[in-house]
Every structure is written in C-alpha cells, then in structure tokens.
Amino acid sequence: MSFHFSGRSAVIDAVLARAPGVISFQDVGEVTCIVWNVTVTFAVIIIISLILDGIEFFERVALHMTPAG
C-alpha cells in the first residue's frame, strides 16, 4: 500500500485532536477562514501574473530596464 499525500492524514489528525477536546469548533472555523483567505489570494496572484505574462508585460519591463546599447 503506497501512501499518497492527500487530505486523509490531516482529517484523521483533526478528528483525533477534536475527540478529547484539544480543539473547539470555533478554532476549526477560525483556521478555515485563515486558510480560505490565503488560498483565494494565492489564486488571484497566479491569475494576475498569467494575464500580465499573456500581454508580455514582463518582457516589456525587462527591455525597459536594460540599458540601450
């Protein structure tokens, strides 16, 4: 049996931490909000950089910054 890095181990650990009361449902909600905001921000940065790359923004900036010669 091979081990794949999926969400299974995270879910098992979360259930084990929740069972004895180490974490509360409020903690789960707070962590979800933090992770969700970071995920959305990361996705938007990737989309913006793809758009800028599509219009060759980075190449133009690089050519503008190099000395003419």
PDB file of N, CA and C in Angstrom:
ATOM      1  N   MET A   1       0.851  -1.177   0.000  1.00  0.00           N
ATOM      2  CA  MET A   1       0.000   0.000   0.000  1.00  0.00           C
ATOM      3  C   MET A   1       0.895   1.237   0.000  1.00  0.00           C
ATOM      4  N   SER A   2       0.728   2.066  -0.992  1.00  0.00           N
ATOM      5  CA  SER A   2       1.532   3.284  -1.060  1.00  0.00           C
ATOM      6  C   SER A   2       0.796   4.433  -0.393  1.00  0.00           C
ATOM      7  N   PHE A   3       1.567   5.330   0.176  1.00  0.00           N
ATOM      8  CA  PHE A   3       0.989   6.478   0.870  1.00  0.00           C
ATOM      9  C   PHE A   3       0.979   7.673  -0.067  1.00  0.00           C
ATOM     10  N   HIS A   4      -0.177   8.239  -0.283  1.00  0.00           N
ATOM     11  CA  HIS A   4      -0.309   9.428  -1.114  1.00  0.00           C
ATOM     12  C   HIS A   4      -0.599  10.612  -0.204  1.00  0.00           C
ATOM     13  N   PHE A   5       0.017  11.744  -0.521  1.00  0.00           N
ATOM     14  CA  PHE A   5      -0.205  12.936   0.282  1.00  0.00           C
ATOM     15  C   PHE A   5      -1.549  13.536  -0.095  1.00  0.00           C
ATOM     16  N   SER A   6      -2.557  13.116   0.604  1.00  0.00           N
ATOM     17  CA  SER A   6      -3.889  13.666   0.386  1.00  0.00           C
ATOM     18  C   SER A   6      -4.365  14.252   1.704  1.00  0.00           C
ATOM     19  N   GLY A   7      -5.609  14.558   1.782  1.00  0.00           N
ATOM     20  CA  GLY A   7      -6.146  15.143   2.999  1.00  0.00           C
ATOM     21  C   GLY A   7      -6.474  14.122   4.072  1.00  0.00           C
ATOM     22  N   ARG A   8      -6.260  12.846   3.779  1.00  0.00           N
ATOM     23  CA  ARG A   8      -6.646  11.815   4.739  1.00  0.00           C
ATOM     24  C   ARG A   8      -5.936  11.950   6.073  1.00  0.00           C
ATOM     25  N   SER A   9      -4.631  12.124   6.050  1.00  0.00           N
ATOM     26  CA  SER A   9      -3.906  12.196   7.320  1.00  0.00           C
ATOM     27  C   SER A   9      -4.293  13.447   8.097  1.00  0.00           C
ATOM     28  N   ALA A  10      -4.560  14.545   7.390  1.00  0.00           N
ATOM     29  CA  ALA A  10      -4.979  15.775   8.068  1.00  0.00           C
ATOM     30  C   ALA A  10      -6.342  15.582   8.728  1.00  0.00           C
ATOM     31  N   VAL A  11      -7.237  14.907   8.044  1.00  0.00           N
ATOM     32  CA  VAL A  11      -8.574  14.677   8.599  1.00  0.00           C
ATOM     33  C   VAL A  11      -8.492  13.754   9.812  1.00  0.00           C
ATOM     34  N   ILE A  12      -7.680  12.718   9.716  1.00  0.00           N
ATOM     35  CA  ILE A  12      -7.533  11.793  10.845  1.00  0.00           C
ATOM     36  C   ILE A  12      -6.951  12.529  12.054  1.00  0.00           C
ATOM     37  N   ASP A  13      -5.914  13.345  11.819  1.00  0.00           N
ATOM     38  CA  ASP A  13      -5.328  14.110  12.921  1.00  0.00           C
ATOM     39  C   ASP A  13      -6.320  15.098  13.519  1.00  0.00           C
ATOM     40  N   ALA A  14      -7.129  15.722  12.669  1.00  0.00           N
ATOM     41  CA  ALA A  14      -8.120  16.671  13.169  1.00  0.00           C
ATOM     42  C   ALA A  14      -9.171  15.973  14.024  1.00  0.00           C
ATOM     43  N   VAL A  15      -9.608  14.812  13.593  1.00  0.00           N
ATOM     44  CA  VAL A  15     -10.594  14.060  14.378  1.00  0.00           C
ATOM     45  C   VAL A  15      -9.988  13.624  15.709  1.00  0.00           C
ATOM     46  N   LEU A  16      -8.735  13.177  15.685  1.00  0.00           N
ATOM     47  CA  LEU A  16      -8.078  12.762  16.934  1.00  0.00           C
ATOM     48  C   LEU A  16      -7.869  13.939  17.883  1.00  0.00           C
ATOM     49  N   ALA A  17      -7.601  15.123  17.339  1.00  0.00           N
ATOM     50  CA  ALA A  17      -7.425  16.307  18.195  1.00  0.00           C
ATOM     51  C   ALA A  17      -8.772  16.807  18.706  1.00  0.00           C
ATOM     52  N   ARG A  18      -9.813  16.635  17.927  1.00  0.00           N
ATOM     53  CA  ARG A  18     -11.142  17.106  18.318  1.00  0.00           C
ATOM     54  C   ARG A  18     -11.774  16.202  19.375  1.00  0.00           C
ATOM     55  N   ALA A  19     -11.505  14.911  19.312  1.00  0.00           N
ATOM     56  CA  ALA A  19     -12.163  13.945  20.199  1.00  0.00           C
ATOM     57  C   ALA A  19     -11.951  14.257  21.682  1.00  0.00           C
ATOM     58  N   PRO A  20     -10.727  14.477  22.160  1.00  0.00           N
ATOM     59  CA  PRO A  20     -10.569  14.769  23.594  1.00  0.00           C
ATOM     60  C   PRO A  20     -10.800  16.235  23.944  1.00  0.00           C
ATOM     61  N   GLY A  21     -11.165  17.050  22.983  1.00  0.00           N
ATOM     62  CA  GLY A  21     -11.448  18.452  23.265  1.00  0.00           C
ATOM     63  C   GLY A  21     -10.240  19.363  23.188  1.00  0.00           C
ATOM     64  N   VAL A  22      -9.198  18.924  22.497  1.00  0.00           N
ATOM     65  CA  VAL A  22      -7.997  19.749  22.349  1.00  0.00           C
ATOM     66  C   VAL A  22      -8.312  21.005  21.535  1.00  0.00           C
ATOM     67  N   ILE A  23      -9.152  20.838  20.521  1.00  0.00           N
ATOM     68  CA  ILE A  23      -9.576  21.987  19.712  1.00  0.00           C
ATOM     69  C   ILE A  23     -11.099  22.094  19.760  1.00  0.00           C
ATOM     70  N   SER A  24     -11.599  23.312  19.557  1.00  0.00           N
ATOM     71  CA  SER A  24     -13.044  23.524  19.566  1.00  0.00           C
ATOM     72  C   SER A  24     -13.533  23.788  18.141  1.00  0.00           C
ATOM     73  N   PHE A  25     -14.847  23.795  17.973  1.00  0.00           N
ATOM     74  CA  PHE A  25     -15.406  24.100  16.661  1.00  0.00           C
ATOM     75  C   PHE A  25     -15.120  25.547  16.271  1.00  0.00           C
ATOM     76  N   GLN A  26     -14.995  26.427  17.242  1.00  0.00           N
ATOM     77  CA  GLN A  26     -14.634  27.816  16.960  1.00  0.00           C
ATOM     78  C   GLN A  26     -13.230  27.876  16.363  1.00  0.00           C
ATOM     79  N   ASP A  27     -12.307  27.074  16.891  1.00  0.00           N
ATOM     80  CA  ASP A  27     -10.955  27.008  16.334  1.00  0.00           C
ATOM     81  C   ASP A  27     -10.982  26.520  14.884  1.00  0.00           C
ATOM     82  N   VAL A  28     -11.809  25.525  14.627  1.00  0.00           N
ATOM     83  CA  VAL A  28     -11.933  24.995  13.267  1.00  0.00           C
ATOM     84  C   VAL A  28     -12.421  26.086  12.320  1.00  0.00           C
ATOM     85  N   GLY A  29     -13.399  26.858  12.748  1.00  0.00           N
ATOM     86  CA  GLY A  29     -13.914  27.947  11.919  1.00  0.00           C
ATOM     87  C   GLY A  29     -12.878  29.025  11.657  1.00  0.00           C
ATOM     88  N   GLU A  30     -12.107  29.366  12.673  1.00  0.00           N
ATOM     89  CA  GLU A  30     -11.071  30.393  12.510  1.00  0.00           C
ATOM     90  C   GLU A  30      -9.981  29.936  11.548  1.00  0.00           C
ATOM     91  N   VAL A  31      -9.533  28.708  11.684  1.00  0.00           N
ATOM     92  CA  VAL A  31      -8.499  28.186  10.787  1.00  0.00           C
ATOM     93  C   VAL A  31      -9.021  28.109   9.354  1.00  0.00           C
ATOM     94  N   THR A  32     -10.283  27.706   9.186  1.00  0.00           N
ATOM     95  CA  THR A  32     -10.868  27.652   7.852  1.00  0.00           C
ATOM     96  C   THR A  32     -10.887  29.031   7.212  1.00  0.00           C
ATOM     97  N   CYS A  33     -11.245  30.051   7.959  1.00  0.00           N
ATOM     98  CA  CYS A  33     -11.253  31.417   7.418  1.00  0.00           C
ATOM     99  C   CYS A  33      -9.852  31.863   7.030  1.00  0.00           C
ATOM    100  N   ILE A  34      -8.871  31.575   7.854  1.00  0.00           N
ATOM    101  CA  ILE A  34      -7.492  31.968   7.557  1.00  0.00           C
ATOM    102  C   ILE A  34      -6.994  31.275   6.289  1.00  0.00           C
ATOM    103  N   VAL A  35      -7.195  29.975   6.207  1.00  0.00           N
ATOM    104  CA  VAL A  35      -6.723  29.210   5.047  1.00  0.00           C
ATOM    105  C   VAL A  35      -7.472  29.626   3.794  1.00  0.00           C
ATOM    106  N   TRP A  36      -8.770  29.872   3.898  1.00  0.00           N
ATOM    107  CA  TRP A  36      -9.553  30.267   2.731  1.00  0.00           C
ATOM    108  C   TRP A  36      -9.048  31.585   2.168  1.00  0.00           C
ATOM    109  N   ASN A  37      -8.788  32.573   3.030  1.00  0.00           N
ATOM    110  CA  ASN A  37      -8.303  33.872   2.555  1.00  0.00           C
ATOM    111  C   ASN A  37      -6.955  33.743   1.862  1.00  0.00           C
ATOM    112  N   VAL A  38      -6.070  32.945   2.403  1.00  0.00           N
ATOM    113  CA  VAL A  38      -4.754  32.749   1.794  1.00  0.00           C
ATOM    114  C   VAL A  38      -4.891  32.039   0.451  1.00  0.00           C
ATOM    115  N   THR A  39      -5.763  31.052   0.367  1.00  0.00           N
ATOM    116  CA  THR A  39      -5.963  30.312  -0.876  1.00  0.00           C
ATOM    117  C   THR A  39      -6.496  31.213  -1.971  1.00  0.00           C
ATOM    118  N   VAL A  40      -7.486  32.032  -1.656  1.00  0.00           N
ATOM    119  CA  VAL A  40      -8.047  32.945  -2.650  1.00  0.00           C
ATOM    120  C   VAL A  40      -6.999  33.963  -3.092  1.00  0.00           C
ATOM    121  N   THR A  41      -6.239  34.498  -2.157  1.00  0.00           N
ATOM    122  CA  THR A  41      -5.192  35.465  -2.501  1.00  0.00           C
ATOM    123  C   THR A  41      -4.162  34.837  -3.423  1.00  0.00           C
ATOM    124  N   PHE A  42      -3.724  33.629  -3.126  1.00  0.00           N
ATOM    125  CA  PHE A  42      -2.740  32.937  -3.949  1.00  0.00           C
ATOM    126  C   PHE A  42      -3.278  32.697  -5.359  1.00  0.00           C
ATOM    127  N   ALA A  43      -4.525  32.270  -5.469  1.00  0.00           N
ATOM    128  CA  ALA A  43      -5.124  32.029  -6.781  1.00  0.00           C
ATOM    129  C   ALA A  43      -5.215  33.317  -7.589  1.00  0.00           C
ATOM    130  N   VAL A  44      -5.580  34.422  -6.952  1.00  0.00           N
ATOM    131  CA  VAL A  44      -5.684  35.705  -7.655  1.00  0.00           C
ATOM    132  C   VAL A  44      -4.307  36.173  -8.132  1.00  0.00           C
ATOM    133  N   ILE A  45      -3.281  35.990  -7.322  1.00  0.00           N
ATOM    134  CA  ILE A  45      -1.926  36.371  -7.737  1.00  0.00           C
ATOM    135  C   ILE A  45      -1.495  35.564  -8.961  1.00  0.00           C
ATOM    136  N   ILE A  46      -1.794  34.279  -8.983  1.00  0.00           N
ATOM    137  CA  ILE A  46      -1.450  33.451 -10.138  1.00  0.00           C
ATOM    138  C   ILE A  46      -2.199  33.928 -11.377  1.00  0.00           C
ATOM    139  N   ILE A  47      -3.483  34.225 -11.241  1.00  0.00           N
ATOM    140  CA  ILE A  47      -4.278  34.688 -12.387  1.00  0.00           C
ATOM    141  C   ILE A  47      -3.740  36.012 -12.918  1.00  0.00           C
ATOM    142  N   ILE A  48      -3.432  36.946 -12.018  1.00  0.00           N
ATOM    143  CA  ILE A  48      -2.897  38.238 -12.448  1.00  0.00           C
ATOM    144  C   ILE A  48      -1.569  38.058 -13.161  1.00  0.00           C
ATOM    145  N   SER A  49      -0.687  37.212 -12.634  1.00  0.00           N
ATOM    146  CA  SER A  49       0.609  37.015 -13.286  1.00  0.00           C
ATOM    147  C   SER A  49       0.450  36.332 -14.640  1.00  0.00           C
ATOM    148  N   LEU A  50      -0.520  35.439 -14.797  1.00  0.00           N
ATOM    149  CA  LEU A  50      -0.778  34.834 -16.104  1.00  0.00           C
ATOM    150  C   LEU A  50      -1.279  35.865 -17.107  1.00  0.00           C
ATOM    151  N   ILE A  51      -2.141  36.766 -16.646  1.00  0.00           N
ATOM    152  CA  ILE A  51      -2.639  37.828 -17.530  1.00  0.00           C
ATOM    153  C   ILE A  51      -1.496  38.742 -17.945  1.00  0.00           C
ATOM    154  N   LEU A  52      -0.668  39.158 -16.989  1.00  0.00           N
ATOM    155  CA  LEU A  52       0.460  40.029 -17.303  1.00  0.00           C
ATOM    156  C   LEU A  52       1.455  39.337 -18.234  1.00  0.00           C
ATOM    157  N   ASP A  53       1.663  38.056 -18.054  1.00  0.00           N
ATOM    158  CA  ASP A  53       2.548  37.313 -18.942  1.00  0.00           C
ATOM    159  C   ASP A  53       1.945  37.206 -20.333  1.00  0.00           C
ATOM    160  N   GLY A  54       0.628  37.066 -20.398  1.00  0.00           N
ATOM    161  CA  GLY A  54      -0.052  36.964 -21.694  1.00  0.00           C
ATOM    162  C   GLY A  54       0.070  38.229 -22.524  1.00  0.00           C
ATOM    163  N   ILE A  55       0.128  39.386 -21.891  1.00  0.00           N
ATOM    164  CA  ILE A  55       0.281  40.642 -22.643  1.00  0.00           C
ATOM    165  C   ILE A  55       1.745  41.076 -22.707  1.00  0.00           C
ATOM    166  N   GLU A  56       2.629  40.132 -22.365  1.00  0.00           N
ATOM    167  CA  GLU A  56       4.077  40.331 -22.429  1.00  0.00           C
ATOM    168  C   GLU A  56       4.556  41.512 -21.592  1.00  0.00           C
ATOM    169  N   PHE A  57       3.918  41.716 -20.458  1.00  0.00           N
ATOM    170  CA  PHE A  57       4.282  42.813 -19.560  1.00  0.00           C
ATOM    171  C   PHE A  57       5.699  42.649 -19.031  1.00  0.00           C
ATOM    172  N   PHE A  58       6.051  41.444 -18.634  1.00  0.00           N
ATOM    173  CA  PHE A  58       7.357  41.217 -18.022  1.00  0.00           C
ATOM    174  C   PHE A  58       8.488  41.425 -19.024  1.00  0.00           C
ATOM    175  N   GLU A  59       8.261  41.025 -20.286  1.00  0.00           N
ATOM    176  CA  GLU A  59       9.278  41.243 -21.305  1.00  0.00           C
ATOM    177  C   GLU A  59       9.471  42.735 -21.559  1.00  0.00           C
ATOM    178  N   ARG A  60       8.379  43.474 -21.604  1.00  0.00           N
ATOM    179  CA  ARG A  60       8.488  44.926 -21.828  1.00  0.00           C
ATOM    180  C   ARG A  60       9.229  45.610 -20.688  1.00  0.00           C
ATOM    181  N   VAL A  61       8.925  45.208 -19.470  1.00  0.00           N
ATOM    182  CA  VAL A  61       9.613  45.793 -18.313  1.00  0.00           C
ATOM    183  C   VAL A  61      11.101  45.451 -18.363  1.00  0.00           C
ATOM    184  N   ALA A  62      11.410  44.204 -18.709  1.00  0.00           N
ATOM    185  CA  ALA A  62      12.823  43.793 -18.780  1.00  0.00           C
ATOM    186  C   ALA A  62      13.562  44.599 -19.857  1.00  0.00           C
ATOM    187  N   LEU A  63      12.931  44.794 -21.001  1.00  0.00           N
ATOM    188  CA  LEU A  63      13.566  45.578 -22.059  1.00  0.00           C
ATOM    189  C   LEU A  63      13.703  47.045 -21.653  1.00  0.00           C
ATOM    190  N   HIS A  64      12.739  47.543 -20.938  1.00  0.00           N
ATOM    191  CA  HIS A  64      12.784  48.939 -20.490  1.00  0.00           C
ATOM    192  C   HIS A  64      13.894  49.156 -19.459  1.00  0.00           C
ATOM    193  N   MET A  65      14.145  48.142 -18.654  1.00  0.00           N
ATOM    194  CA  MET A  65      15.133  48.291 -17.575  1.00  0.00           C
ATOM    195  C   MET A  65      16.566  48.064 -18.050  1.00  0.00           C
ATOM    196  N   THR A  66      16.751  47.366 -19.178  1.00  0.00           N
ATOM    197  CA  THR A  66      18.103  47.128 -19.668  1.00  0.00           C
ATOM    198  C   THR A  66      18.606  48.372 -20.395  1.00  0.00           C
ATOM    199  N   PRO A  67      19.872  48.684 -20.249  1.00  0.00           N
ATOM    200  CA  PRO A  67      20.394  49.872 -20.924  1.00  0.00           C
ATOM    201  C   PRO A  67      20.450  49.654 -22.439  1.00  0.00           C
ATOM    202  N   ALA A  68      20.073  50.684 -23.146  1.00  0.00           N
ATOM    203  CA  ALA A  68      20.128  50.619 -24.616  1.00  0.00           C
ATOM    204  C   ALA A  68      21.589  50.617 -25.046  1.00  0.00           C
ATOM    205  N   GLY A  69      21.935  49.724 -25.908  1.00  0.00           N
ATOM    206  CA  GLY A  69      23.342  49.721 -26.274  1.00  0.00           C
ATOM    207  C   GLY A  69      23.659  48.816 -27.324  1.00  0.00           C
TER     208      GLY A  69
END
